[in-house]
Amino acid sequence: MNHTIDYYNLNAESFIENTKNVDMHQTQDRFLRLLDENASILDFGCGSGRDTRYFLDKGYQVTATDGSAEICRSASSFTGIAVKEMMFGELDEIDTYDGIWACASILHLMSDQEG
């Protein structure tokens, strides 16, 4: 089993409490300036749903994913949208999103999975 996913499933509540209120507005707004209004964003590894909710509140179309079932349940409740349980390697959509946000999530990839 994936140790990272196991960790997040077991520690979802504390992880979410420690991350959902972190102020990321400066970085989020820098990202949004690169997109048109109402653009489609993939929040790839959404964690608590903090960024997804921010983007939704700004009027963007957001698809949120995470690899942890427990995180997905909590993030769905927090954001008001269904968060899809998905691993990075499962993404097969092409030309679907105007921007991909992967804040502190791709750091979990092993070096042989990069690129």
PDB file of N, CA and C in Angstrom:
ATOM      1  N   MET A   1       0.844  -1.192   0.000  1.00  0.00           N
ATOM      2  CA  MET A   1       0.000   0.000   0.000  1.00  0.00           C
ATOM      3  C   MET A   1       0.883   1.246   0.000  1.00  0.00           C
ATOM      4  N   ASN A   2       0.402   2.322  -0.494  1.00  0.00           N
ATOM      5  CA  ASN A   2       1.128   3.577  -0.566  1.00  0.00           C
ATOM      6  C   ASN A   2       1.209   4.221   0.817  1.00  0.00           C
ATOM      7  N   HIS A   3       2.420   4.356   1.337  1.00  0.00           N
ATOM      8  CA  HIS A   3       2.619   4.903   2.686  1.00  0.00           C
ATOM      9  C   HIS A   3       2.136   6.346   2.796  1.00  0.00           C
ATOM     10  N   THR A   4       2.313   7.121   1.746  1.00  0.00           N
ATOM     11  CA  THR A   4       1.868   8.513   1.775  1.00  0.00           C
ATOM     12  C   THR A   4       0.349   8.584   1.901  1.00  0.00           C
ATOM     13  N   ILE A   5      -0.362   7.805   1.106  1.00  0.00           N
ATOM     14  CA  ILE A   5      -1.827   7.796   1.162  1.00  0.00           C
ATOM     15  C   ILE A   5      -2.291   7.276   2.515  1.00  0.00           C
ATOM     16  N   ASP A   6      -1.645   6.235   3.018  1.00  0.00           N
ATOM     17  CA  ASP A   6      -1.985   5.721   4.345  1.00  0.00           C
ATOM     18  C   ASP A   6      -1.847   6.815   5.401  1.00  0.00           C
ATOM     19  N   TYR A   7      -0.770   7.569   5.325  1.00  0.00           N
ATOM     20  CA  TYR A   7      -0.546   8.657   6.286  1.00  0.00           C
ATOM     21  C   TYR A   7      -1.691   9.670   6.224  1.00  0.00           C
ATOM     22  N   TYR A   8      -2.028  10.118   5.027  1.00  0.00           N
ATOM     23  CA  TYR A   8      -3.077  11.125   4.890  1.00  0.00           C
ATOM     24  C   TYR A   8      -4.445  10.581   5.290  1.00  0.00           C
ATOM     25  N   ASN A   9      -4.718   9.333   5.002  1.00  0.00           N
ATOM     26  CA  ASN A   9      -5.990   8.747   5.437  1.00  0.00           C
ATOM     27  C   ASN A   9      -6.081   8.692   6.957  1.00  0.00           C
ATOM     28  N   LEU A  10      -4.981   8.355   7.610  1.00  0.00           N
ATOM     29  CA  LEU A  10      -4.976   8.255   9.073  1.00  0.00           C
ATOM     30  C   LEU A  10      -4.920   9.611   9.762  1.00  0.00           C
ATOM     31  N   ASN A  11      -4.355  10.608   9.110  1.00  0.00           N
ATOM     32  CA  ASN A  11      -4.135  11.913   9.735  1.00  0.00           C
ATOM     33  C   ASN A  11      -4.893  13.043   9.038  1.00  0.00           C
ATOM     34  N   ALA A  12      -5.948  12.693   8.331  1.00  0.00           N
ATOM     35  CA  ALA A  12      -6.673  13.688   7.534  1.00  0.00           C
ATOM     36  C   ALA A  12      -7.162  14.857   8.382  1.00  0.00           C
ATOM     37  N   GLU A  13      -7.751  14.578   9.512  1.00  0.00           N
ATOM     38  CA  GLU A  13      -8.327  15.642  10.335  1.00  0.00           C
ATOM     39  C   GLU A  13      -7.265  16.650  10.781  1.00  0.00           C
ATOM     40  N   SER A  14      -6.147  16.167  11.312  1.00  0.00           N
ATOM     41  CA  SER A  14      -5.104  17.095  11.774  1.00  0.00           C
ATOM     42  C   SER A  14      -4.438  17.813  10.603  1.00  0.00           C
ATOM     43  N   PHE A  15      -4.240  17.115   9.479  1.00  0.00           N
ATOM     44  CA  PHE A  15      -3.652  17.751   8.304  1.00  0.00           C
ATOM     45  C   PHE A  15      -4.531  18.907   7.833  1.00  0.00           C
ATOM     46  N   ILE A  16      -5.817  18.661   7.749  1.00  0.00           N
ATOM     47  CA  ILE A  16      -6.743  19.692   7.280  1.00  0.00           C
ATOM     48  C   ILE A  16      -6.766  20.873   8.236  1.00  0.00           C
ATOM     49  N   GLU A  17      -6.824  20.607   9.520  1.00  0.00           N
ATOM     50  CA  GLU A  17      -6.829  21.696  10.503  1.00  0.00           C
ATOM     51  C   GLU A  17      -5.574  22.552  10.403  1.00  0.00           C
ATOM     52  N   ASN A  18      -4.447  21.938  10.078  1.00  0.00           N
ATOM     53  CA  ASN A  18      -3.178  22.665  10.000  1.00  0.00           C
ATOM     54  C   ASN A  18      -2.961  23.399   8.686  1.00  0.00           C
ATOM     55  N   THR A  19      -3.777  23.119   7.679  1.00  0.00           N
ATOM     56  CA  THR A  19      -3.532  23.720   6.369  1.00  0.00           C
ATOM     57  C   THR A  19      -4.672  24.563   5.817  1.00  0.00           C
ATOM     58  N   LYS A  20      -5.891  24.341   6.249  1.00  0.00           N
ATOM     59  CA  LYS A  20      -7.025  24.994   5.577  1.00  0.00           C
ATOM     60  C   LYS A  20      -7.077  26.507   5.784  1.00  0.00           C
ATOM     61  N   ASN A  21      -6.431  27.018   6.809  1.00  0.00           N
ATOM     62  CA  ASN A  21      -6.468  28.458   7.062  1.00  0.00           C
ATOM     63  C   ASN A  21      -5.153  29.172   6.750  1.00  0.00           C
ATOM     64  N   VAL A  22      -4.210  28.477   6.135  1.00  0.00           N
ATOM     65  CA  VAL A  22      -2.949  29.105   5.747  1.00  0.00           C
ATOM     66  C   VAL A  22      -3.238  30.140   4.661  1.00  0.00           C
ATOM     67  N   ASP A  23      -2.723  31.342   4.833  1.00  0.00           N
ATOM     68  CA  ASP A  23      -2.982  32.421   3.872  1.00  0.00           C
ATOM     69  C   ASP A  23      -2.100  32.254   2.637  1.00  0.00           C
ATOM     70  N   MET A  24      -2.718  31.878   1.546  1.00  0.00           N
ATOM     71  CA  MET A  24      -2.009  31.662   0.281  1.00  0.00           C
ATOM     72  C   MET A  24      -2.465  32.661  -0.779  1.00  0.00           C
ATOM     73  N   HIS A  25      -3.178  33.719  -0.370  1.00  0.00           N
ATOM     74  CA  HIS A  25      -3.787  34.636  -1.335  1.00  0.00           C
ATOM     75  C   HIS A  25      -2.786  35.232  -2.320  1.00  0.00           C
ATOM     76  N   GLN A  26      -1.620  35.586  -1.859  1.00  0.00           N
ATOM     77  CA  GLN A  26      -0.648  36.200  -2.763  1.00  0.00           C
ATOM     78  C   GLN A  26      -0.261  35.234  -3.885  1.00  0.00           C
ATOM     79  N   THR A  27       0.009  33.998  -3.534  1.00  0.00           N
ATOM     80  CA  THR A  27       0.385  32.988  -4.530  1.00  0.00           C
ATOM     81  C   THR A  27      -0.811  32.602  -5.391  1.00  0.00           C
ATOM     82  N   GLN A  28      -1.962  32.453  -4.771  1.00  0.00           N
ATOM     83  CA  GLN A  28      -3.176  32.116  -5.527  1.00  0.00           C
ATOM     84  C   GLN A  28      -3.496  33.208  -6.546  1.00  0.00           C
ATOM     85  N   ASP A  29      -3.425  34.457  -6.114  1.00  0.00           N
ATOM     86  CA  ASP A  29      -3.742  35.564  -7.023  1.00  0.00           C
ATOM     87  C   ASP A  29      -2.722  35.687  -8.152  1.00  0.00           C
ATOM     88  N   ARG A  30      -1.470  35.390  -7.861  1.00  0.00           N
ATOM     89  CA  ARG A  30      -0.439  35.400  -8.914  1.00  0.00           C
ATOM     90  C   ARG A  30      -0.779  34.365  -9.989  1.00  0.00           C
ATOM     91  N   PHE A  31      -1.210  33.196  -9.561  1.00  0.00           N
ATOM     92  CA  PHE A  31      -1.635  32.138 -10.478  1.00  0.00           C
ATOM     93  C   PHE A  31      -2.858  32.588 -11.285  1.00  0.00           C
ATOM     94  N   LEU A  32      -3.845  33.161 -10.614  1.00  0.00           N
ATOM     95  CA  LEU A  32      -5.081  33.562 -11.282  1.00  0.00           C
ATOM     96  C   LEU A  32      -4.862  34.664 -12.305  1.00  0.00           C
ATOM     97  N   ARG A  33      -3.876  35.494 -12.103  1.00  0.00           N
ATOM     98  CA  ARG A  33      -3.593  36.555 -13.075  1.00  0.00           C
ATOM     99  C   ARG A  33      -3.178  35.983 -14.434  1.00  0.00           C
ATOM    100  N   LEU A  34      -2.757  34.744 -14.465  1.00  0.00           N
ATOM    101  CA  LEU A  34      -2.353  34.088 -15.708  1.00  0.00           C
ATOM    102  C   LEU A  34      -3.538  33.500 -16.478  1.00  0.00           C
ATOM    103  N   LEU A  35      -4.711  33.519 -15.862  1.00  0.00           N
ATOM    104  CA  LEU A  35      -5.890  32.883 -16.447  1.00  0.00           C
ATOM    105  C   LEU A  35      -6.968  33.909 -16.781  1.00  0.00           C
ATOM    106  N   ASP A  36      -7.807  33.570 -17.737  1.00  0.00           N
ATOM    107  CA  ASP A  36      -8.977  34.379 -18.048  1.00  0.00           C
ATOM    108  C   ASP A  36     -10.020  34.188 -16.953  1.00  0.00           C
ATOM    109  N   GLU A  37     -10.947  35.160 -16.855  1.00  0.00           N
ATOM    110  CA  GLU A  37     -12.059  35.005 -15.921  1.00  0.00           C
ATOM    111  C   GLU A  37     -12.820  33.731 -16.243  1.00  0.00           C
ATOM    112  N   ASN A  38     -13.303  33.078 -15.217  1.00  0.00           N
ATOM    113  CA  ASN A  38     -14.097  31.849 -15.343  1.00  0.00           C
ATOM    114  C   ASN A  38     -13.334  30.681 -15.972  1.00  0.00           C
ATOM    115  N   ALA A  39     -12.017  30.742 -15.969  1.00  0.00           N
ATOM    116  CA  ALA A  39     -11.216  29.652 -16.534  1.00  0.00           C
ATOM    117  C   ALA A  39     -11.450  28.361 -15.756  1.00  0.00           C
ATOM    118  N   SER A  40     -11.057  27.268 -16.372  1.00  0.00           N
ATOM    119  CA  SER A  40     -11.168  25.942 -15.778  1.00  0.00           C
ATOM    120  C   SER A  40      -9.839  25.580 -15.117  1.00  0.00           C
ATOM    121  N   ILE A  41      -9.896  25.225 -13.835  1.00  0.00           N
ATOM    122  CA  ILE A  41      -8.700  24.905 -13.065  1.00  0.00           C
ATOM    123  C   ILE A  41      -8.801  23.482 -12.535  1.00  0.00           C
ATOM    124  N   LEU A  42      -7.706  22.743 -12.630  1.00  0.00           N
ATOM    125  CA  LEU A  42      -7.573  21.460 -11.955  1.00  0.00           C
ATOM    126  C   LEU A  42      -6.744  21.707 -10.703  1.00  0.00           C
ATOM    127  N   ASP A  43      -7.329  21.470  -9.536  1.00  0.00           N
ATOM    128  CA  ASP A  43      -6.577  21.510  -8.279  1.00  0.00           C
ATOM    129  C   ASP A  43      -6.136  20.075  -8.034  1.00  0.00           C
ATOM    130  N   PHE A  44      -4.902  19.806  -8.413  1.00  0.00           N
ATOM    131  CA  PHE A  44      -4.358  18.448  -8.492  1.00  0.00           C
ATOM    132  C   PHE A  44      -3.658  18.109  -7.178  1.00  0.00           C
ATOM    133  N   GLY A  45      -4.376  17.435  -6.296  1.00  0.00           N
ATOM    134  CA  GLY A  45      -3.887  17.176  -4.952  1.00  0.00           C
ATOM    135  C   GLY A  45      -4.368  18.291  -4.032  1.00  0.00           C
ATOM    136  N   CYS A  46      -5.673  18.428  -3.918  1.00  0.00           N
ATOM    137  CA  CYS A  46      -6.279  19.607  -3.299  1.00  0.00           C
ATOM    138  C   CYS A  46      -6.163  19.666  -1.785  1.00  0.00           C
ATOM    139  N   GLY A  47      -5.784  18.562  -1.142  1.00  0.00           N
ATOM    140  CA  GLY A  47      -5.671  18.592   0.313  1.00  0.00           C
ATOM    141  C   GLY A  47      -6.970  19.043   0.956  1.00  0.00           C
ATOM    142  N   SER A  48      -6.885  20.002   1.849  1.00  0.00           N
ATOM    143  CA  SER A  48      -8.051  20.460   2.614  1.00  0.00           C
ATOM    144  C   SER A  48      -9.142  21.083   1.745  1.00  0.00           C
ATOM    145  N   GLY A  49      -8.800  21.484   0.539  1.00  0.00           N
ATOM    146  CA  GLY A  49      -9.750  22.172  -0.330  1.00  0.00           C
ATOM    147  C   GLY A  49      -9.652  23.679  -0.221  1.00  0.00           C
ATOM    148  N   ARG A  50      -8.679  24.155   0.536  1.00  0.00           N
ATOM    149  CA  ARG A  50      -8.476  25.592   0.753  1.00  0.00           C
ATOM    150  C   ARG A  50      -8.390  26.357  -0.558  1.00  0.00           C
ATOM    151  N   ASP A  51      -7.555  25.893  -1.461  1.00  0.00           N
ATOM    152  CA  ASP A  51      -7.338  26.604  -2.717  1.00  0.00           C
ATOM    153  C   ASP A  51      -8.529  26.436  -3.656  1.00  0.00           C
ATOM    154  N   THR A  52      -9.092  25.251  -3.687  1.00  0.00           N
ATOM    155  CA  THR A  52     -10.282  25.010  -4.488  1.00  0.00           C
ATOM    156  C   THR A  52     -11.380  25.994  -4.097  1.00  0.00           C
ATOM    157  N   ARG A  53     -11.603  26.107  -2.810  1.00  0.00           N
ATOM    158  CA  ARG A  53     -12.661  27.019  -2.333  1.00  0.00           C
ATOM    159  C   ARG A  53     -12.358  28.465  -2.721  1.00  0.00           C
ATOM    160  N   TYR A  54     -11.107  28.876  -2.600  1.00  0.00           N
ATOM    161  CA  TYR A  54     -10.718  30.235  -2.970  1.00  0.00           C
ATOM    162  C   TYR A  54     -11.009  30.486  -4.449  1.00  0.00           C
ATOM    163  N   PHE A  55     -10.602  29.531  -5.296  1.00  0.00           N
ATOM    164  CA  PHE A  55     -10.817  29.686  -6.738  1.00  0.00           C
ATOM    165  C   PHE A  55     -12.310  29.695  -7.076  1.00  0.00           C
ATOM    166  N   LEU A  56     -13.068  28.833  -6.437  1.00  0.00           N
ATOM    167  CA  LEU A  56     -14.524  28.818  -6.650  1.00  0.00           C
ATOM    168  C   LEU A  56     -15.139  30.152  -6.243  1.00  0.00           C
ATOM    169  N   ASP A  57     -14.725  30.663  -5.102  1.00  0.00           N
ATOM    170  CA  ASP A  57     -15.251  31.944  -4.620  1.00  0.00           C
ATOM    171  C   ASP A  57     -14.915  33.096  -5.563  1.00  0.00           C
ATOM    172  N   LYS A  58     -13.843  32.941  -6.349  1.00  0.00           N
ATOM    173  CA  LYS A  58     -13.446  33.963  -7.321  1.00  0.00           C
ATOM    174  C   LYS A  58     -14.130  33.768  -8.672  1.00  0.00           C
ATOM    175  N   GLY A  59     -14.976  32.737  -8.787  1.00  0.00           N
ATOM    176  CA  GLY A  59     -15.758  32.529  -9.997  1.00  0.00           C
ATOM    177  C   GLY A  59     -15.157  31.575 -11.008  1.00  0.00           C
ATOM    178  N   TYR A  60     -14.110  30.848 -10.637  1.00  0.00           N
ATOM    179  CA  TYR A  60     -13.484  29.908 -11.568  1.00  0.00           C
ATOM    180  C   TYR A  60     -14.184  28.558 -11.515  1.00  0.00           C
ATOM    181  N   GLN A  61     -14.055  27.808 -12.587  1.00  0.00           N
ATOM    182  CA  GLN A  61     -14.564  26.445 -12.669  1.00  0.00           C
ATOM    183  C   GLN A  61     -13.454  25.536 -12.166  1.00  0.00           C
ATOM    184  N   VAL A  62     -13.701  24.772 -11.112  1.00  0.00           N
ATOM    185  CA  VAL A  62     -12.634  23.992 -10.486  1.00  0.00           C
ATOM    186  C   VAL A  62     -13.003  22.521 -10.422  1.00  0.00           C
ATOM    187  N   THR A  63     -12.051  21.691 -10.824  1.00  0.00           N
ATOM    188  CA  THR A  63     -12.108  20.256 -10.601  1.00  0.00           C
ATOM    189  C   THR A  63     -11.030  19.968  -9.564  1.00  0.00           C
ATOM    190  N   ALA A  64     -11.412  19.287  -8.497  1.00  0.00           N
ATOM    191  CA  ALA A  64     -10.465  19.005  -7.417  1.00  0.00           C
ATOM    192  C   ALA A  64     -10.254  17.505  -7.281  1.00  0.00           C
ATOM    193  N   THR A  65      -8.999  17.121  -7.063  1.00  0.00           N
ATOM    194  CA  THR A  65      -8.655  15.717  -6.872  1.00  0.00           C
ATOM    195  C   THR A  65      -7.708  15.579  -5.690  1.00  0.00           C
ATOM    196  N   ASP A  66      -7.676  14.392  -5.133  1.00  0.00           N
ATOM    197  CA  ASP A  66      -6.688  14.048  -4.126  1.00  0.00           C
ATOM    198  C   ASP A  66      -6.576  12.537  -4.090  1.00  0.00           C
ATOM    199  N   GLY A  67      -5.457  12.032  -3.630  1.00  0.00           N
ATOM    200  CA  GLY A  67      -5.247  10.591  -3.585  1.00  0.00           C
ATOM    201  C   GLY A  67      -5.812   9.924  -2.350  1.00  0.00           C
ATOM    202  N   SER A  68      -6.118  10.690  -1.328  1.00  0.00           N
ATOM    203  CA  SER A  68      -6.608  10.154  -0.059  1.00  0.00           C
ATOM    204  C   SER A  68      -8.129  10.213   0.007  1.00  0.00           C
ATOM    205  N   ALA A  69      -8.751   9.075   0.254  1.00  0.00           N
ATOM    206  CA  ALA A  69     -10.209   9.020   0.355  1.00  0.00           C
ATOM    207  C   ALA A  69     -10.712   9.901   1.496  1.00  0.00           C
ATOM    208  N   GLU A  70     -10.015   9.898   2.609  1.00  0.00           N
ATOM    209  CA  GLU A  70     -10.442  10.702   3.759  1.00  0.00           C
ATOM    210  C   GLU A  70     -10.324  12.199   3.461  1.00  0.00           C
ATOM    211  N   ILE A  71      -9.249  12.579   2.819  1.00  0.00           N
ATOM    212  CA  ILE A  71      -9.077  13.987   2.432  1.00  0.00           C
ATOM    213  C   ILE A  71     -10.173  14.386   1.450  1.00  0.00           C
ATOM    214  N   CYS A  72     -10.479  13.531   0.490  1.00  0.00           N
ATOM    215  CA  CYS A  72     -11.529  13.830  -0.488  1.00  0.00           C
ATOM    216  C   CYS A  72     -12.866  14.074   0.193  1.00  0.00           C
ATOM    217  N   ARG A  73     -13.208  13.249   1.162  1.00  0.00           N
ATOM    218  CA  ARG A  73     -14.484  13.417   1.869  1.00  0.00           C
ATOM    219  C   ARG A  73     -14.532  14.770   2.572  1.00  0.00           C
ATOM    220  N   SER A  74     -13.476  15.098   3.289  1.00  0.00           N
ATOM    221  CA  SER A  74     -13.446  16.366   4.028  1.00  0.00           C
ATOM    222  C   SER A  74     -13.414  17.559   3.087  1.00  0.00           C
ATOM    223  N   ALA A  75     -12.607  17.472   2.034  1.00  0.00           N
ATOM    224  CA  ALA A  75     -12.503  18.579   1.080  1.00  0.00           C
ATOM    225  C   ALA A  75     -13.818  18.782   0.337  1.00  0.00           C
ATOM    226  N   SER A  76     -14.517  17.720   0.036  1.00  0.00           N
ATOM    227  CA  SER A  76     -15.825  17.840  -0.621  1.00  0.00           C
ATOM    228  C   SER A  76     -16.795  18.604   0.267  1.00  0.00           C
ATOM    229  N   SER A  77     -16.790  18.282   1.534  1.00  0.00           N
ATOM    230  CA  SER A  77     -17.664  18.977   2.479  1.00  0.00           C
ATOM    231  C   SER A  77     -17.286  20.448   2.599  1.00  0.00           C
ATOM    232  N   PHE A  78     -15.994  20.732   2.665  1.00  0.00           N
ATOM    233  CA  PHE A  78     -15.505  22.102   2.841  1.00  0.00           C
ATOM    234  C   PHE A  78     -15.752  22.969   1.604  1.00  0.00           C
ATOM    235  N   THR A  79     -15.602  22.393   0.415  1.00  0.00           N
ATOM    236  CA  THR A  79     -15.693  23.178  -0.823  1.00  0.00           C
ATOM    237  C   THR A  79     -17.095  23.210  -1.422  1.00  0.00           C
ATOM    238  N   GLY A  80     -17.898  22.219  -1.090  1.00  0.00           N
ATOM    239  CA  GLY A  80     -19.233  22.140  -1.677  1.00  0.00           C
ATOM    240  C   GLY A  80     -19.265  21.487  -3.046  1.00  0.00           C
ATOM    241  N   ILE A  81     -18.135  20.948  -3.494  1.00  0.00           N
ATOM    242  CA  ILE A  81     -18.095  20.210  -4.761  1.00  0.00           C
ATOM    243  C   ILE A  81     -17.540  18.809  -4.499  1.00  0.00           C
ATOM    244  N   ALA A  82     -17.842  17.890  -5.383  1.00  0.00           N
ATOM    245  CA  ALA A  82     -17.304  16.537  -5.262  1.00  0.00           C
ATOM    246  C   ALA A  82     -15.817  16.555  -5.600  1.00  0.00           C
ATOM    247  N   VAL A  83     -15.008  16.041  -4.701  1.00  0.00           N
ATOM    248  CA  VAL A  83     -13.574  15.930  -4.931  1.00  0.00           C
ATOM    249  C   VAL A  83     -13.294  14.490  -5.356  1.00  0.00           C
ATOM    250  N   LYS A  84     -12.649  14.360  -6.473  1.00  0.00           N
ATOM    251  CA  LYS A  84     -12.398  13.042  -7.067  1.00  0.00           C
ATOM    252  C   LYS A  84     -11.158  12.409  -6.454  1.00  0.00           C
ATOM    253  N   GLU A  85     -11.290  11.169  -5.996  1.00  0.00           N
ATOM    254  CA  GLU A  85     -10.135  10.416  -5.499  1.00  0.00           C
ATOM    255  C   GLU A  85      -9.356   9.910  -6.709  1.00  0.00           C
ATOM    256  N   MET A  86      -8.100  10.362  -6.820  1.00  0.00           N
ATOM    257  CA  MET A  86      -7.317  10.035  -8.002  1.00  0.00           C
ATOM    258  C   MET A  86      -5.835  10.210  -7.711  1.00  0.00           C
ATOM    259  N   MET A  87      -5.034   9.325  -8.223  1.00  0.00           N
ATOM    260  CA  MET A  87      -3.585   9.436  -8.130  1.00  0.00           C
ATOM    261  C   MET A  87      -3.077  10.194  -9.355  1.00  0.00           C
ATOM    262  N   PHE A  88      -1.890  10.779  -9.241  1.00  0.00           N
ATOM    263  CA  PHE A  88      -1.333  11.581 -10.332  1.00  0.00           C
ATOM    264  C   PHE A  88      -1.275  10.814 -11.643  1.00  0.00           C
ATOM    265  N   GLY A  89      -0.839   9.588 -11.594  1.00  0.00           N
ATOM    266  CA  GLY A  89      -0.684   8.783 -12.804  1.00  0.00           C
ATOM    267  C   GLY A  89      -1.990   8.441 -13.504  1.00  0.00           C
ATOM    268  N   GLU A  90      -3.108   8.698 -12.853  1.00  0.00           N
ATOM    269  CA  GLU A  90      -4.408   8.387 -13.434  1.00  0.00           C
ATOM    270  C   GLU A  90      -4.955   9.503 -14.323  1.00  0.00           C
ATOM    271  N   LEU A  91      -4.337  10.663 -14.279  1.00  0.00           N
ATOM    272  CA  LEU A  91      -4.820  11.778 -15.100  1.00  0.00           C
ATOM    273  C   LEU A  91      -4.545  11.472 -16.568  1.00  0.00           C
ATOM    274  N   ASP A  92      -5.616  11.442 -17.356  1.00  0.00           N
ATOM    275  CA  ASP A  92      -5.445  11.170 -18.780  1.00  0.00           C
ATOM    276  C   ASP A  92      -6.171  12.195 -19.649  1.00  0.00           C
ATOM    277  N   GLU A  93      -6.636  13.265 -19.043  1.00  0.00           N
ATOM    278  CA  GLU A  93      -7.331  14.307 -19.794  1.00  0.00           C
ATOM    279  C   GLU A  93      -6.313  15.194 -20.509  1.00  0.00           C
ATOM    280  N   ILE A  94      -6.643  15.582 -21.713  1.00  0.00           N
ATOM    281  CA  ILE A  94      -5.767  16.436 -22.516  1.00  0.00           C
ATOM    282  C   ILE A  94      -6.563  17.663 -22.922  1.00  0.00           C
ATOM    283  N   ASP A  95      -5.940  18.822 -22.809  1.00  0.00           N
ATOM    284  CA  ASP A  95      -6.574  20.088 -23.203  1.00  0.00           C
ATOM    285  C   ASP A  95      -7.922  20.313 -22.508  1.00  0.00           C
ATOM    286  N   THR A  96      -8.012  19.927 -21.253  1.00  0.00           N
ATOM    287  CA  THR A  96      -9.255  20.069 -20.497  1.00  0.00           C
ATOM    288  C   THR A  96      -9.238  21.309 -19.613  1.00  0.00           C
ATOM    289  N   TYR A  97      -8.088  21.651 -19.070  1.00  0.00           N
ATOM    290  CA  TYR A  97      -7.991  22.719 -18.088  1.00  0.00           C
ATOM    291  C   TYR A  97      -7.172  23.895 -18.620  1.00  0.00           C
ATOM    292  N   ASP A  98      -7.559  25.082 -18.189  1.00  0.00           N
ATOM    293  CA  ASP A  98      -6.798  26.278 -18.538  1.00  0.00           C
ATOM    294  C   ASP A  98      -5.590  26.447 -17.631  1.00  0.00           C
ATOM    295  N   GLY A  99      -5.666  25.880 -16.441  1.00  0.00           N
ATOM    296  CA  GLY A  99      -4.558  25.939 -15.491  1.00  0.00           C
ATOM    297  C   GLY A  99      -4.606  24.766 -14.541  1.00  0.00           C
ATOM    298  N   ILE A 100      -3.424  24.318 -14.124  1.00  0.00           N
ATOM    299  CA  ILE A 100      -3.339  23.231 -13.149  1.00  0.00           C
ATOM    300  C   ILE A 100      -2.611  23.759 -11.925  1.00  0.00           C
ATOM    301  N   TRP A 101      -3.264  23.663 -10.784  1.00  0.00           N
ATOM    302  CA  TRP A 101      -2.717  24.089  -9.503  1.00  0.00           C
ATOM    303  C   TRP A 101      -2.328  22.820  -8.755  1.00  0.00           C
ATOM    304  N   ALA A 102      -1.069  22.703  -8.381  1.00  0.00           N
ATOM    305  CA  ALA A 102      -0.578  21.528  -7.656  1.00  0.00           C
ATOM    306  C   ALA A 102       0.287  22.005  -6.502  1.00  0.00           C
ATOM    307  N   CYS A 103      -0.336  22.734  -5.599  1.00  0.00           N
ATOM    308  CA  CYS A 103       0.362  23.360  -4.477  1.00  0.00           C
ATOM    309  C   CYS A 103       0.798  22.308  -3.458  1.00  0.00           C
ATOM    310  N   ALA A 104       2.091  22.099  -3.369  1.00  0.00           N
ATOM    311  CA  ALA A 104       2.679  21.171  -2.391  1.00  0.00           C
ATOM    312  C   ALA A 104       2.184  19.741  -2.552  1.00  0.00           C
ATOM    313  N   SER A 105       1.787  19.372  -3.748  1.00  0.00           N
ATOM    314  CA  SER A 105       1.315  17.999  -3.935  1.00  0.00           C
ATOM    315  C   SER A 105       2.270  17.151  -4.763  1.00  0.00           C
ATOM    316  N   ILE A 106       2.861  17.723  -5.804  1.00  0.00           N
ATOM    317  CA  ILE A 106       3.743  16.894  -6.631  1.00  0.00           C
ATOM    318  C   ILE A 106       5.055  16.568  -5.924  1.00  0.00           C
ATOM    319  N   LEU A 107       5.293  17.164  -4.769  1.00  0.00           N
ATOM    320  CA  LEU A 107       6.491  16.809  -3.998  1.00  0.00           C
ATOM    321  C   LEU A 107       6.430  15.358  -3.550  1.00  0.00           C
ATOM    322  N   HIS A 108       5.243  14.743  -3.601  1.00  0.00           N
ATOM    323  CA  HIS A 108       5.085  13.354  -3.200  1.00  0.00           C
ATOM    324  C   HIS A 108       5.468  12.375  -4.300  1.00  0.00           C
ATOM    325  N   LEU A 109       5.706  12.857  -5.506  1.00  0.00           N
ATOM    326  CA  LEU A 109       6.119  11.959  -6.573  1.00  0.00           C
ATOM    327  C   LEU A 109       7.529  11.444  -6.326  1.00  0.00           C
ATOM    328  N   MET A 110       7.738  10.201  -6.642  1.00  0.00           N
ATOM    329  CA  MET A 110       9.089   9.638  -6.572  1.00  0.00           C
ATOM    330  C   MET A 110       9.867  10.154  -7.762  1.00  0.00           C
ATOM    331  N   SER A 111      11.185  10.240  -7.655  1.00  0.00           N
ATOM    332  CA  SER A 111      11.995  10.803  -8.731  1.00  0.00           C
ATOM    333  C   SER A 111      11.818  10.073 -10.053  1.00  0.00           C
ATOM    334  N   ASP A 112      11.508   8.776 -10.025  1.00  0.00           N
ATOM    335  CA  ASP A 112      11.304   8.043 -11.274  1.00  0.00           C
ATOM    336  C   ASP A 112       9.935   8.307 -11.877  1.00  0.00           C
ATOM    337  N   GLN A 113       9.067   9.059 -11.191  1.00  0.00           N
ATOM    338  CA  GLN A 113       7.751   9.401 -11.708  1.00  0.00           C
ATOM    339  C   GLN A 113       7.734  10.797 -12.286  1.00  0.00           C
ATOM    340  N   GLU A 114       8.792  11.560 -12.124  1.00  0.00           N
ATOM    341  CA  GLU A 114       8.819  12.935 -12.602  1.00  0.00           C
ATOM    342  C   GLU A 114       8.917  12.987 -14.119  1.00  0.00           C
ATOM    343  N   GLY A 115       8.442  14.128 -14.659  1.00  0.00           N
ATOM    344  CA  GLY A 115       8.584  14.390 -16.086  1.00  0.00           C
ATOM    345  C   GLY A 115       7.756  13.502 -16.883  1.00  0.00           C
TER     346      GLY A 115
END
